[in-house]
């Protein structure tokens, strides 16, 4: 699968920008914040800039956007004007001098933001992201600040069609990765070799470089990065794969018996894990409590004769690896239409060498859920 000719890799990725979808998100954000009487919204987090304007910039750059109450959006971009963006104006800042990256990216970007704000008229109330609004701007532009970050995260929960397409593509990469894993994993293979071959499988599926490589590639462990270590006979190899495609993350997991012959204890634990997915698919619908589901799953897994379940049940995915909804007793979220979330029950014990975690990605629909990762889940 090859990327279309307009694809560019480097400072920014512009392939697949849906300008109409970005404009729709801009309008929804302004509509939701009408009662706040904001004159403009300043966006400085990279994910939110991509969500509203389209281009995805690498972590080392500091793009920004200013969305005015009248619907105009000004984009601040590093070095050059992107070929495509859902913006009425684009201003650039010098991110590099003679190809050397500046260390003061945010300060340079903020100078452009200040210029936009000062020319924007009598701006008295600004919506900003409190966790990232730069002091370079706040110290030089006086306005009442309102935190819009919670609203941005709330709106990002419901995935638009263009976002779902990217998430589905990201997940398709994991399917190829697991197929390659089942082909190559055997006693004695080095974890780094597994990592290398799985990354290559995803790259070939996407037809372009990954924008995230995650997550777990350590055999005989709950998780962790690939090590310079040969996997051992009898281990369970937990592969928790979270590659990203154009900024959107997949996140699912499979456990594979290294020798292709799971023990009776491993197989029995697997049956309890599978009960969780059957339960989820029968009860989850809009309005279902995520905390309630987590507690229900705890009871299912407590009945397993071997293994403990010591972590969350899952989380949302999108432009960030962990988003709402949170399938976790520390939150009290409820499922809503358009959520894309993971379910990752696990059981761990030394007798299981060292355990297993299986994870699927789901989309919440009007009537229930759609499994976005319906590929092989067996241990061998």
Protein backbone atom coordinates (compact mmCIF):
# COMPACT_ATOMS: atom_id res chain seq x y z
CA UNK A 1 0.00 0.00 0.00
CA UNK A 2 1.69 3.21 -1.16
CA UNK A 3 1.15 6.80 -0.11
CA UNK A 4 -0.28 9.19 -2.72
CA UNK A 5 2.18 11.58 -4.38
CA UNK A 6 1.19 14.58 -2.26
CA UNK A 7 2.60 12.89 0.84
CA UNK A 8 5.43 14.73 2.58
CA UNK A 9 7.50 13.61 5.52
CA UNK A 10 9.67 15.97 7.57
CA UNK A 11 8.55 19.15 9.26
CA UNK A 12 4.90 18.53 8.61
CA UNK A 13 2.62 15.80 7.35
CA UNK A 14 -0.14 17.14 5.12
CA UNK A 15 -1.42 13.98 3.51
CA UNK A 16 -5.07 13.22 4.07
CA UNK A 17 -6.10 16.61 5.49
CA UNK A 18 -9.87 16.97 5.38
CA UNK A 19 -10.32 20.73 5.37
CA UNK A 20 -14.11 20.46 5.59
CA UNK A 21 -13.87 18.24 8.69
CA UNK A 22 -11.43 20.65 10.33
CA UNK A 23 -13.74 23.59 9.61
CA UNK A 24 -16.61 21.64 11.15
CA UNK A 25 -14.55 21.08 14.30
CA UNK A 26 -13.73 24.79 14.47
CA UNK A 27 -17.44 25.66 14.29
CA UNK A 28 -18.35 23.10 16.96
CA UNK A 29 -15.72 24.47 19.30
CA UNK A 30 -16.94 28.05 18.88
CA UNK A 31 -20.56 26.96 19.31
CA UNK A 32 -19.81 25.12 22.53
CA UNK A 33 -18.02 28.15 23.95
CA UNK A 34 -20.53 30.83 22.90
CA UNK A 35 -21.77 31.33 26.45
CA UNK A 36 -18.21 32.14 27.55
CA UNK A 37 -18.26 35.27 25.33
CA UNK A 38 -14.74 34.63 24.10
CA UNK A 39 -13.16 36.97 21.59
CA UNK A 40 -10.65 34.36 20.42
CA UNK A 41 -9.18 30.97 21.30
CA UNK A 42 -5.41 30.40 21.29
CA UNK A 43 -4.34 26.80 20.63
CA UNK A 44 -0.78 25.73 21.43
CA UNK A 45 -0.84 21.94 21.87
CA UNK A 46 0.32 20.12 18.74
CA UNK A 47 -2.55 17.60 18.78
CA UNK A 48 -5.16 20.35 19.03
CA UNK A 49 -3.53 22.34 16.24
CA UNK A 50 -3.74 19.25 14.01
CA UNK A 51 -7.33 18.54 15.09
CA UNK A 52 -8.48 22.05 14.17
CA UNK A 53 -6.22 23.07 11.27
CA UNK A 54 -5.01 19.82 9.70
CA UNK A 55 -1.21 19.73 9.42
CA UNK A 56 0.62 17.51 11.88
CA UNK A 57 3.93 18.88 13.10
CA UNK A 58 6.71 16.93 14.75
CA UNK A 59 7.18 17.22 18.52
CA UNK A 60 10.25 19.44 18.15
CA UNK A 61 8.23 22.29 16.63
CA UNK A 62 5.75 24.66 18.28
CA UNK A 63 2.83 25.39 15.93
CA UNK A 64 -0.13 27.38 17.17
CA UNK A 65 -3.54 28.57 16.01
CA UNK A 66 -5.81 31.48 16.85
CA UNK A 67 -9.53 30.96 16.27
CA UNK A 68 -11.53 34.18 16.35
CA UNK A 69 -15.16 34.48 17.41
CA UNK A 70 -16.14 35.38 13.85
CA UNK A 71 -14.85 32.00 12.64
CA UNK A 72 -11.49 33.05 11.17
CA UNK A 73 -8.52 30.84 11.98
CA UNK A 74 -4.90 31.95 11.81
CA UNK A 75 -2.27 29.20 11.81
CA UNK A 76 1.30 29.67 13.03
CA UNK A 77 3.61 27.23 11.22
CA UNK A 78 7.34 26.52 11.46
CA UNK A 79 9.44 27.78 8.55
CA UNK A 80 6.97 27.59 5.68
CA UNK A 81 3.32 27.79 4.69
CA UNK A 82 1.84 24.28 4.43
CA UNK A 83 0.41 23.20 1.10
CA UNK A 84 -2.98 22.62 2.71
CA UNK A 85 -4.62 23.73 5.95
CA UNK A 86 -8.03 24.73 7.26
CA UNK A 87 -6.85 28.28 7.88
CA UNK A 88 -7.74 31.75 6.64
CA UNK A 89 -4.24 33.04 7.31
CA UNK A 90 -0.88 31.37 7.88
CA UNK A 91 2.07 33.06 9.54
CA UNK A 92 5.43 31.39 9.81
CA UNK A 93 8.18 31.58 12.37
CA UNK A 94 11.85 30.73 11.86
CA UNK A 95 12.24 27.32 13.47
CA UNK A 96 15.72 26.82 12.00
CA UNK A 97 18.67 28.96 11.09
CA UNK A 98 20.78 27.48 8.27
CA UNK A 99 19.06 24.14 8.97
CA UNK A 100 19.94 24.19 12.70
CA UNK A 101 16.94 23.85 14.99
CA UNK A 102 16.44 26.70 17.43
CA UNK A 103 16.06 25.82 21.10
CA UNK A 104 13.54 28.61 21.67
CA UNK A 105 10.78 27.19 19.46
CA UNK A 106 7.92 28.30 21.73
CA UNK A 107 9.29 31.81 22.08
CA UNK A 108 9.66 32.13 18.31
CA UNK A 109 6.17 30.80 17.71
CA UNK A 110 4.74 33.08 20.40
CA UNK A 111 6.06 36.15 18.60
CA UNK A 112 3.84 35.27 15.66
CA UNK A 113 0.89 34.59 17.98
CA UNK A 114 1.39 37.99 19.61
CA UNK A 115 1.31 39.68 16.22
CA UNK A 116 -1.99 37.98 15.37
CA UNK A 117 -3.56 38.93 18.70
CA UNK A 118 -2.42 42.55 18.56
CA UNK A 119 -3.91 42.92 15.10
CA UNK A 120 -7.10 41.12 16.08
CA UNK A 121 -8.92 44.09 17.54
CA UNK A 122 -10.11 44.66 21.09
CA UNK A 123 -9.63 41.13 22.48
CA UNK A 124 -10.62 41.09 26.14
CA UNK A 125 -11.42 37.41 26.81
CA UNK A 126 -9.23 34.63 25.44
CA UNK A 127 -9.83 30.92 25.58
CA UNK A 128 -6.53 29.11 26.15
CA UNK A 129 -5.16 25.74 27.24
CA UNK A 130 -4.05 26.40 30.80
CA UNK A 131 -1.51 23.56 30.72
CA UNK A 132 0.37 24.93 27.73
CA UNK A 133 -0.47 28.62 27.17
CA UNK A 134 2.99 30.21 26.88
CA UNK A 135 4.15 32.86 29.30
CA UNK A 136 5.82 34.47 26.28
CA UNK A 137 2.30 35.53 25.25
CA UNK A 138 0.58 36.03 28.61
CA UNK A 139 3.35 38.35 29.85
CA UNK A 140 2.98 40.64 26.84
CA UNK A 141 -0.73 40.52 26.00
CA UNK A 142 -3.27 41.44 28.65
CA UNK A 143 -6.62 39.65 28.54
CA UNK A 144 -8.91 37.64 30.77
CA UNK A 145 -8.04 33.97 30.29
CA UNK A 146 -10.57 31.12 30.22
CA UNK A 147 -9.45 27.48 30.22
CA UNK A 148 -10.89 25.74 27.14
CA UNK A 149 -8.77 22.61 27.47
CA UNK A 150 -11.53 20.52 29.10
CA UNK A 151 -13.88 21.36 26.22
CA UNK A 152 -11.25 20.45 23.64
CA UNK A 153 -10.74 17.03 25.23
CA UNK A 154 -14.50 16.54 25.53
CA UNK A 155 -15.02 17.25 21.84
CA UNK A 156 -12.11 15.07 20.77
CA UNK A 157 -13.84 12.03 22.30
CA UNK A 158 -16.34 11.69 19.47
CA UNK A 159 -14.30 10.77 16.42
CA UNK A 160 -15.22 12.24 13.04
CA UNK A 161 -15.19 10.16 9.87
CA UNK A 162 -11.75 11.41 8.80
CA UNK A 163 -10.35 10.51 12.23
CA UNK A 164 -11.91 7.05 12.19
CA UNK A 165 -10.36 6.38 8.80
CA UNK A 166 -6.89 7.10 10.19
CA UNK A 167 -7.50 5.02 13.31
CA UNK A 168 -8.71 2.09 11.20
CA UNK A 169 -5.57 2.39 9.10
CA UNK A 170 -3.41 2.47 12.22
CA UNK A 171 -5.13 -0.70 13.46
CA UNK A 172 -4.62 -2.42 10.11
CA UNK A 173 -0.90 -2.00 10.72
CA UNK A 174 -1.14 -3.93 13.98
CA UNK A 175 -2.88 -6.80 12.20
CA UNK A 176 0.12 -7.09 9.87
CA UNK A 177 2.46 -6.84 12.85
CA UNK A 178 0.78 -9.74 14.69
CA UNK A 179 0.80 -11.86 11.55
CA UNK A 180 4.55 -11.28 11.24
CA UNK A 181 5.00 -12.01 14.96
CA UNK A 182 3.26 -15.38 14.69
CA UNK A 183 5.48 -16.17 11.72
CA UNK A 184 8.83 -15.41 13.37
CA UNK A 185 8.49 -15.87 17.15
CA UNK A 186 10.24 -18.98 18.41
CA UNK A 187 12.68 -19.85 21.20
CA UNK A 188 15.96 -18.02 20.69
CA UNK A 189 14.80 -15.07 18.60
CA UNK A 190 16.09 -11.73 19.85
CA UNK A 191 13.48 -9.23 21.07
CA UNK A 192 15.17 -6.52 19.01
CA UNK A 193 14.72 -8.62 15.87
CA UNK A 194 11.03 -9.00 16.68
CA UNK A 195 10.76 -5.22 17.14
CA UNK A 196 12.56 -4.52 13.87
CA UNK A 197 10.47 -6.90 11.79
CA UNK A 198 7.18 -5.75 13.30
CA UNK A 199 7.99 -2.09 12.70
CA UNK A 200 8.81 -2.94 9.09
CA UNK A 201 5.50 -4.77 8.68
CA UNK A 202 3.57 -1.68 9.80
CA UNK A 203 5.60 0.64 7.57
CA UNK A 204 4.87 -1.51 4.54
CA UNK A 205 1.17 -1.57 5.39
CA UNK A 206 1.00 2.21 5.75
CA UNK A 207 3.27 2.97 2.83
CA UNK A 208 4.95 5.64 4.92
CA UNK A 209 6.88 6.17 8.14
CA UNK A 210 5.13 5.58 11.47
CA UNK A 211 4.31 8.59 13.63
CA UNK A 212 4.47 6.47 16.80
CA UNK A 213 6.13 3.10 17.47
CA UNK A 214 4.65 1.92 20.85
CA UNK A 215 4.36 -0.04 23.09
CA UNK A 216 5.53 -3.37 24.63
CA UNK A 217 7.98 -5.82 23.03
CA UNK A 218 9.49 -7.62 26.06
CA UNK A 219 8.88 -11.37 26.31
CA UNK A 220 8.14 -13.05 29.65
CA UNK A 221 7.22 -9.69 31.22
CA UNK A 222 4.07 -7.61 31.78
CA UNK A 223 5.48 -5.11 29.34
CA UNK A 224 8.46 -3.02 28.38
CA UNK A 225 10.68 -2.10 25.43
CA UNK A 226 12.51 -4.64 23.31
CA UNK A 227 15.80 -5.74 24.85
CA UNK A 228 18.95 -7.36 23.51
CA UNK A 229 17.66 -10.68 24.82
CA UNK A 230 16.71 -14.03 23.33
CA UNK A 231 13.18 -15.19 24.17
CA UNK A 232 12.89 -18.47 26.05
CA UNK A 233 10.96 -21.68 25.54
CA UNK A 234 7.73 -21.72 27.57
CA UNK A 235 7.37 -17.95 27.87
CA UNK A 236 4.31 -15.99 26.86
CA UNK A 237 5.26 -13.06 24.67
CA UNK A 238 2.96 -10.08 25.31
CA UNK A 239 2.96 -7.75 22.32
CA UNK A 240 1.08 -4.53 23.11
CA UNK A 241 1.28 -2.62 19.85
CA UNK A 242 0.44 1.04 19.48
CA UNK A 243 1.78 2.40 16.19
CA UNK A 244 0.43 5.72 14.99
CA UNK A 245 -0.67 6.61 11.47
CA UNK A 246 -0.54 10.33 10.66
CA UNK A 247 -0.80 11.12 14.35
CA UNK A 248 -3.65 8.72 15.21
CA UNK A 249 -2.86 5.78 17.48
CA UNK A 250 -3.85 2.15 17.43
CA UNK A 251 -3.47 0.20 20.68
CA UNK A 252 -4.16 -3.51 20.93
CA UNK A 253 -2.43 -6.53 22.40
CA UNK A 254 -1.95 -10.22 21.83
CA UNK A 255 -0.05 -12.87 23.82
CA UNK A 256 1.82 -15.57 21.90
CA UNK A 257 3.25 -18.81 23.26
CA UNK A 258 6.91 -18.68 22.27
CA UNK A 259 7.09 -22.42 21.58
CA UNK A 260 3.66 -22.58 19.97
CA UNK A 261 2.39 -24.90 22.73
CA UNK A 262 0.57 -23.10 25.55
CA UNK A 263 0.37 -25.02 28.81
CA UNK A 264 -2.95 -26.10 30.30
CA UNK A 265 -2.64 -23.32 32.91
CA UNK A 266 -1.95 -20.71 30.24
CA UNK A 267 -4.86 -21.91 28.15
CA UNK A 268 -7.25 -21.85 31.11
CA UNK A 269 -6.25 -18.29 31.98
CA UNK A 270 -6.87 -17.34 28.35
CA UNK A 271 -10.47 -18.60 28.59
CA UNK A 272 -11.13 -16.18 31.46
CA UNK A 273 -9.67 -13.30 29.46
CA UNK A 274 -11.99 -14.15 26.59
CA UNK A 275 -14.99 -14.05 28.95
CA UNK A 276 -14.25 -10.36 29.45
CA UNK A 277 -14.64 -9.55 25.76
CA UNK A 278 -17.88 -11.52 25.53
CA UNK A 279 -19.22 -9.60 28.52
CA UNK A 280 -18.14 -6.21 27.19
CA UNK A 281 -19.68 -6.80 23.79
CA UNK A 282 -22.98 -7.77 25.41
CA UNK A 283 -23.33 -4.85 27.86
CA UNK A 284 -21.53 -1.77 26.51
CA UNK A 285 -23.72 0.83 24.86
CA UNK A 286 -24.10 4.61 25.17
CA UNK A 287 -24.67 5.53 28.82
CA UNK A 288 -22.97 2.48 30.33
CA UNK A 289 -20.66 3.36 33.22
CA UNK A 290 -16.97 2.70 32.50
CA UNK A 291 -16.25 2.28 36.21
CA UNK A 292 -19.09 -0.20 36.51
CA UNK A 293 -17.67 -2.22 33.62
CA UNK A 294 -14.23 -2.20 35.23
CA UNK A 295 -15.65 -3.56 38.49
CA UNK A 296 -17.63 -6.23 36.62
CA UNK A 297 -14.47 -7.36 34.85
CA UNK A 298 -12.58 -7.50 38.13
CA UNK A 299 -15.14 -10.02 39.37
CA UNK A 300 -14.83 -12.12 36.21
CA UNK A 301 -11.05 -12.29 36.51
CA UNK A 302 -11.06 -12.93 40.26
CA UNK A 303 -12.61 -16.30 39.44
CA UNK A 304 -9.56 -17.34 37.41
CA UNK A 305 -7.55 -20.02 39.25
CA UNK A 306 -4.21 -18.38 38.39
CA UNK A 307 -3.18 -14.79 37.86
CA UNK A 308 -3.88 -11.26 39.02
CA UNK A 309 -5.42 -8.31 37.19
CA UNK A 310 -3.53 -5.27 38.56
CA UNK A 311 -4.19 -2.48 36.05
CA UNK A 312 -6.83 -0.49 34.20
CA UNK A 313 -9.25 -2.15 31.79
CA UNK A 314 -8.70 0.32 28.97
CA UNK A 315 -8.89 3.88 27.69
CA UNK A 316 -9.76 5.99 24.70
CA UNK A 317 -7.37 6.40 21.77
CA UNK A 318 -6.96 9.06 19.11
CA UNK A 319 -4.35 11.77 18.72
CA UNK A 320 -2.95 10.74 22.10
CA UNK A 321 -2.32 7.15 23.27
CA UNK A 322 -4.57 7.50 26.34
CA UNK A 323 -7.73 9.59 26.08
CA UNK A 324 -11.25 9.46 27.50
CA UNK A 325 -13.20 7.35 28.17
CA UNK A 326 -11.27 5.82 31.07
CA UNK A 327 -12.13 2.21 31.93
CA UNK A 328 -10.73 2.67 35.38
CA UNK A 329 -12.10 2.97 38.92
CA UNK A 330 -10.22 6.28 39.34
CA UNK A 331 -12.61 7.96 36.84
CA UNK A 332 -16.38 7.92 36.47
CA UNK A 333 -16.83 8.22 32.70
CA UNK A 334 -19.76 6.86 30.73
CA UNK A 335 -19.60 5.49 27.19
CA UNK A 336 -20.88 7.77 24.42
CA UNK A 337 -21.47 7.39 20.69
CA UNK A 338 -18.27 8.01 18.76
CA UNK A 339 -15.89 6.88 21.52
CA UNK A 340 -12.98 4.76 20.32
CA UNK A 341 -11.59 2.82 23.26
CA UNK A 342 -9.46 -0.17 24.19
CA UNK A 343 -10.27 -3.14 26.40
CA UNK A 344 -7.15 -4.87 27.77
CA UNK A 345 -7.81 -7.46 30.48
CA UNK A 346 -4.75 -9.33 31.71
CA UNK A 347 -3.72 -12.09 34.10
CA UNK A 348 -0.16 -12.35 35.39
CA UNK A 349 1.69 -14.97 37.42
CA UNK A 350 5.09 -16.65 37.38
CA UNK A 351 3.33 -19.93 36.68
CA UNK A 352 2.03 -18.38 33.44
CA UNK A 353 5.57 -17.31 32.35
CA UNK A 354 4.73 -14.41 33.11
CA UNK A 355 1.16 -13.85 31.94
CA UNK A 356 -1.03 -12.48 29.20
CA UNK A 357 -2.82 -9.34 28.15
CA UNK A 358 -5.26 -9.29 25.25
CA UNK A 359 -6.56 -5.99 23.93
CA UNK A 360 -9.10 -4.97 21.32
CA UNK A 361 -10.09 -1.57 19.99
CA UNK A 362 -13.80 -0.70 19.90
CA UNK A 363 -16.06 2.01 18.48
CA UNK A 364 -19.20 2.88 20.43
CA UNK A 365 -22.25 2.96 18.13
CA UNK A 366 -25.89 3.89 18.74
CA UNK A 367 -26.71 0.32 19.76
CA UNK A 368 -23.49 -1.17 21.13
CA UNK A 369 -19.90 -1.54 19.98
CA UNK A 370 -17.97 -2.42 16.83
CA UNK A 371 -14.78 -4.42 17.26
CA UNK A 372 -12.16 -2.60 15.19
CA UNK A 373 -9.50 -5.29 15.71
CA UNK A 374 -11.22 -8.63 14.96
CA UNK A 375 -8.08 -10.61 14.28
CA UNK A 376 -6.71 -13.79 15.83
CA UNK A 377 -6.54 -13.82 19.64
CA UNK A 378 -5.36 -17.38 20.36
CA UNK A 379 -2.08 -18.03 22.18
CA UNK A 380 -0.79 -20.15 19.29
